[in-house]
C-alpha atoms as a PDB file:
ATOM      1  CA  UNK A   1      11.804  20.005 -18.844  1.00  0.00           C
ATOM      2  CA  UNK A   2      14.280  22.889 -17.781  1.00  0.00           C
ATOM      3  CA  UNK A   3      17.459  22.385 -15.782  1.00  0.00           C
ATOM      4  CA  UNK A   4      15.534  24.112 -12.837  1.00  0.00           C
ATOM      5  CA  UNK A   5      12.848  21.560 -13.151  1.00  0.00           C
ATOM      6  CA  UNK A   6      15.384  18.637 -13.194  1.00  0.00           C
ATOM      7  CA  UNK A   7      17.087  19.968 -10.060  1.00  0.00           C
ATOM      8  CA  UNK A   8      13.785  20.545  -8.271  1.00  0.00           C
ATOM      9  CA  UNK A   9      12.732  16.862  -9.216  1.00  0.00           C
ATOM     10  CA  UNK A  10      16.203  15.497  -7.870  1.00  0.00           C
ATOM     11  CA  UNK A  11      15.777  17.366  -4.788  1.00  0.00           C
ATOM     12  CA  UNK A  12      12.193  16.067  -4.271  1.00  0.00           C
ATOM     13  CA  UNK A  13      13.234  12.434  -4.932  1.00  0.00           C
ATOM     14  CA  UNK A  14      16.213  12.848  -2.481  1.00  0.00           C
ATOM     15  CA  UNK A  15      14.023  14.384   0.185  1.00  0.00           C
ATOM     16  CA  UNK A  16      11.191  11.596  -0.338  1.00  0.00           C
ATOM     17  CA  UNK A  17      13.727   8.900   0.046  1.00  0.00           C
ATOM     18  CA  UNK A  18      14.930  10.460   3.482  1.00  0.00           C
ATOM     19  CA  UNK A  19      11.349  11.203   4.438  1.00  0.00           C
ATOM     20  CA  UNK A  20      10.350   7.483   3.650  1.00  0.00           C
ATOM     21  CA  UNK A  21      13.477   6.197   5.593  1.00  0.00           C
ATOM     22  CA  UNK A  22      12.571   8.325   8.479  1.00  0.00           C
ATOM     23  CA  UNK A  23       8.864   7.229   8.275  1.00  0.00           C
ATOM     24  CA  UNK A  24       9.788   3.637   8.266  1.00  0.00           C
ATOM     25  CA  UNK A  25      12.206   3.918  11.210  1.00  0.00           C
ATOM     26  CA  UNK A  26       9.442   5.808  13.137  1.00  0.00           C
ATOM     27  CA  UNK A  27       6.999   2.908  12.605  1.00  0.00           C
ATOM     28  CA  UNK A  28       9.279   0.350  14.055  1.00  0.00           C
ATOM     29  CA  UNK A  29      11.540  -1.040  11.210  1.00  0.00           C
ATOM     30  CA  UNK A  30      15.160  -1.432  12.143  1.00  0.00           C
ATOM     31  CA  UNK A  31      17.787   0.647  10.211  1.00  0.00           C
ATOM     32  CA  UNK A  32      18.569  -1.942   7.693  1.00  0.00           C
ATOM     33  CA  UNK A  33      15.021  -2.780   6.703  1.00  0.00           C
ATOM     34  CA  UNK A  34      13.950   0.809   6.699  1.00  0.00           C
ATOM     35  CA  UNK A  35      16.739   1.484   4.246  1.00  0.00           C
ATOM     36  CA  UNK A  36      15.660  -1.267   2.080  1.00  0.00           C
ATOM     37  CA  UNK A  37      12.062  -0.174   2.130  1.00  0.00           C
ATOM     38  CA  UNK A  38      12.764   3.433   1.243  1.00  0.00           C
ATOM     39  CA  UNK A  39      15.024   2.207  -1.586  1.00  0.00           C
ATOM     40  CA  UNK A  40      11.898  -0.145  -2.754  1.00  0.00           C
ATOM     41  CA  UNK A  41       9.820   3.045  -2.588  1.00  0.00           C
ATOM     42  CA  UNK A  42      12.047   4.901  -4.968  1.00  0.00           C
ATOM     43  CA  UNK A  43      12.696   2.083  -7.336  1.00  0.00           C
ATOM     44  CA  UNK A  44       8.859   1.703  -7.655  1.00  0.00           C
ATOM     45  CA  UNK A  45       8.500   5.379  -8.416  1.00  0.00           C
ATOM     46  CA  UNK A  46      11.309   5.169 -11.062  1.00  0.00           C
ATOM     47  CA  UNK A  47       9.669   2.284 -12.620  1.00  0.00           C
ATOM     48  CA  UNK A  48       6.296   4.163 -12.812  1.00  0.00           C
ATOM     49  CA  UNK A  49       8.034   7.124 -14.352  1.00  0.00           C
ATOM     50  CA  UNK A  50       9.690   4.832 -17.022  1.00  0.00           C
ATOM     51  CA  UNK A  51       6.542   3.202 -17.797  1.00  0.00           C
ATOM     52  CA  UNK A  52       4.791   6.715 -18.076  1.00  0.00           C
ATOM     53  CA  UNK A  53       7.537   7.736 -20.489  1.00  0.00           C
ATOM     54  CA  UNK A  54       6.901   4.598 -22.759  1.00  0.00           C
ATOM     55  CA  UNK A  55       3.276   5.378 -22.624  1.00  0.00           C
ATOM     56  CA  UNK A  56       3.892   9.029 -23.858  1.00  0.00           C
ATOM     57  CA  UNK A  57       6.084   7.623 -26.724  1.00  0.00           C
ATOM     58  CA  UNK A  58       3.461   5.066 -27.737  1.00  0.00           C
ATOM     59  CA  UNK A  59       0.522   7.589 -27.712  1.00  0.00           C
ATOM     60  CA  UNK A  60       2.586  10.389 -29.469  1.00  0.00           C
ATOM     61  CA  UNK A  61       2.177  12.663 -26.403  1.00  0.00           C
ATOM     62  CA  UNK A  62       5.833  13.650 -26.223  1.00  0.00           C
ATOM     63  CA  UNK A  63       6.808  17.189 -25.315  1.00  0.00           C
ATOM     64  CA  UNK A  64       8.611  17.955 -28.676  1.00  0.00           C
ATOM     65  CA  UNK A  65       5.717  16.604 -30.697  1.00  0.00           C
ATOM     66  CA  UNK A  66       3.102  18.631 -28.857  1.00  0.00           C
ATOM     67  CA  UNK A  67       5.329  21.739 -29.262  1.00  0.00           C
ATOM     68  CA  UNK A  68       5.768  21.090 -32.879  1.00  0.00           C
ATOM     69  CA  UNK A  69       1.903  20.639 -33.310  1.00  0.00           C
ATOM     70  CA  UNK A  70       1.150  23.724 -31.512  1.00  0.00           C
ATOM     71  CA  UNK A  71       3.819  25.638 -33.428  1.00  0.00           C
ATOM     72  CA  UNK A  72       2.428  24.496 -36.702  1.00  0.00           C
ATOM     73  CA  UNK A  73      -1.038  25.514 -35.887  1.00  0.00           C
ATOM     74  CA  UNK A  74      -0.076  28.905 -34.735  1.00  0.00           C
ATOM     75  CA  UNK A  75       2.225  29.395 -37.764  1.00  0.00           C
ATOM     76  CA  UNK A  76      -0.629  28.325 -40.165  1.00  0.00           C
ATOM     77  CA  UNK A  77      -3.044  30.739 -38.411  1.00  0.00           C
ATOM     78  CA  UNK A  78      -0.741  33.619 -38.783  1.00  0.00           C
ATOM     79  CA  UNK A  79       0.118  32.865 -42.263  1.00  0.00           C
ATOM     80  CA  UNK A  80      -3.765  32.658 -43.258  1.00  0.00           C
ATOM     81  CA  UNK A  81      -4.347  35.961 -41.573  1.00  0.00           C
ATOM     82  CA  UNK A  82      -1.524  37.634 -43.357  1.00  0.00           C
ATOM     83  CA  UNK A  83      -2.708  36.180 -46.817  1.00  0.00           C
ATOM     84  CA  UNK A  84      -6.293  37.262 -46.084  1.00  0.00           C
ATOM     85  CA  UNK A  85      -5.126  40.744 -45.317  1.00  0.00           C
ATOM     86  CA  UNK A  86      -3.070  41.015 -48.491  1.00  0.00           C
ATOM     87  CA  UNK A  87      -5.860  39.671 -50.465  1.00  0.00           C
ATOM     88  CA  UNK A  88      -8.334  42.043 -48.870  1.00  0.00           C
ATOM     89  CA  UNK A  89      -6.007  44.966 -49.585  1.00  0.00           C
ATOM     90  CA  UNK A  90      -5.839  44.125 -53.421  1.00  0.00           C
ATOM     91  CA  UNK A  91      -8.195  45.824 -55.991  1.00  0.00           C
ATOM     92  CA  UNK A  92     -11.034  43.856 -57.544  1.00  0.00           C
ATOM     93  CA  UNK A  93      -9.289  43.462 -60.740  1.00  0.00           C
ATOM     94  CA  UNK A  94      -6.096  42.210 -59.136  1.00  0.00           C
ATOM     95  CA  UNK A  95      -8.222  39.594 -57.043  1.00  0.00           C
ATOM     96  CA  UNK A  96      -9.808  38.375 -60.315  1.00  0.00           C
ATOM     97  CA  UNK A  97      -6.559  38.174 -62.010  1.00  0.00           C
ATOM     98  CA  UNK A  98      -5.131  36.125 -59.015  1.00  0.00           C
ATOM     99  CA  UNK A  99      -8.013  33.842 -58.899  1.00  0.00           C
ATOM    100  CA  UNK A 100      -7.688  33.083 -62.542  1.00  0.00           C
ATOM    101  CA  UNK A 101      -4.020  32.396 -62.240  1.00  0.00           C
ATOM    102  CA  UNK A 102      -4.511  29.996 -59.400  1.00  0.00           C
ATOM    103  CA  UNK A 103      -7.128  28.237 -61.377  1.00  0.00           C
ATOM    104  CA  UNK A 104      -4.857  27.928 -64.240  1.00  0.00           C
ATOM    105  CA  UNK A 105      -2.117  26.569 -62.175  1.00  0.00           C
ATOM    106  CA  UNK A 106      -4.394  24.050 -60.601  1.00  0.00           C
ATOM    107  CA  UNK A 107      -5.551  23.033 -63.983  1.00  0.00           C
ATOM    108  CA  UNK A 108      -1.982  22.522 -65.118  1.00  0.00           C
ATOM    109  CA  UNK A 109      -1.160  20.550 -62.106  1.00  0.00           C
ATOM    110  CA  UNK A 110      -4.094  18.317 -62.495  1.00  0.00           C
ATOM    111  CA  UNK A 111      -3.044  17.671 -66.063  1.00  0.00           C
ATOM    112  CA  UNK A 112       0.384  16.607 -65.264  1.00  0.00           C
ATOM    113  CA  UNK A 113      -0.618  14.204 -62.378  1.00  0.00           C
END
């Protein structure tokens, strides 16, 4: 969430509190009860927001985690494309030699594990 989003959300909540107060007064509540009712509306909204935050934490749908997954996927796709382009530009002899080297390294790794 950017700073502008935070300011917009704060302004929206401020206006929502004032609007709910005016609405409660309009529908016949006295000033004190309208203030309590509008504060109650804001507290309920705050609790819903906090519960949604905890739900995102528990399910792993946090913004950072989503960005990281998307970044890793895009990075992997770019890397694979670059490797494929380099492999395709190699001569057949170089490709065969590279494949044999990789197989040899894989065999060595399997023996040490």
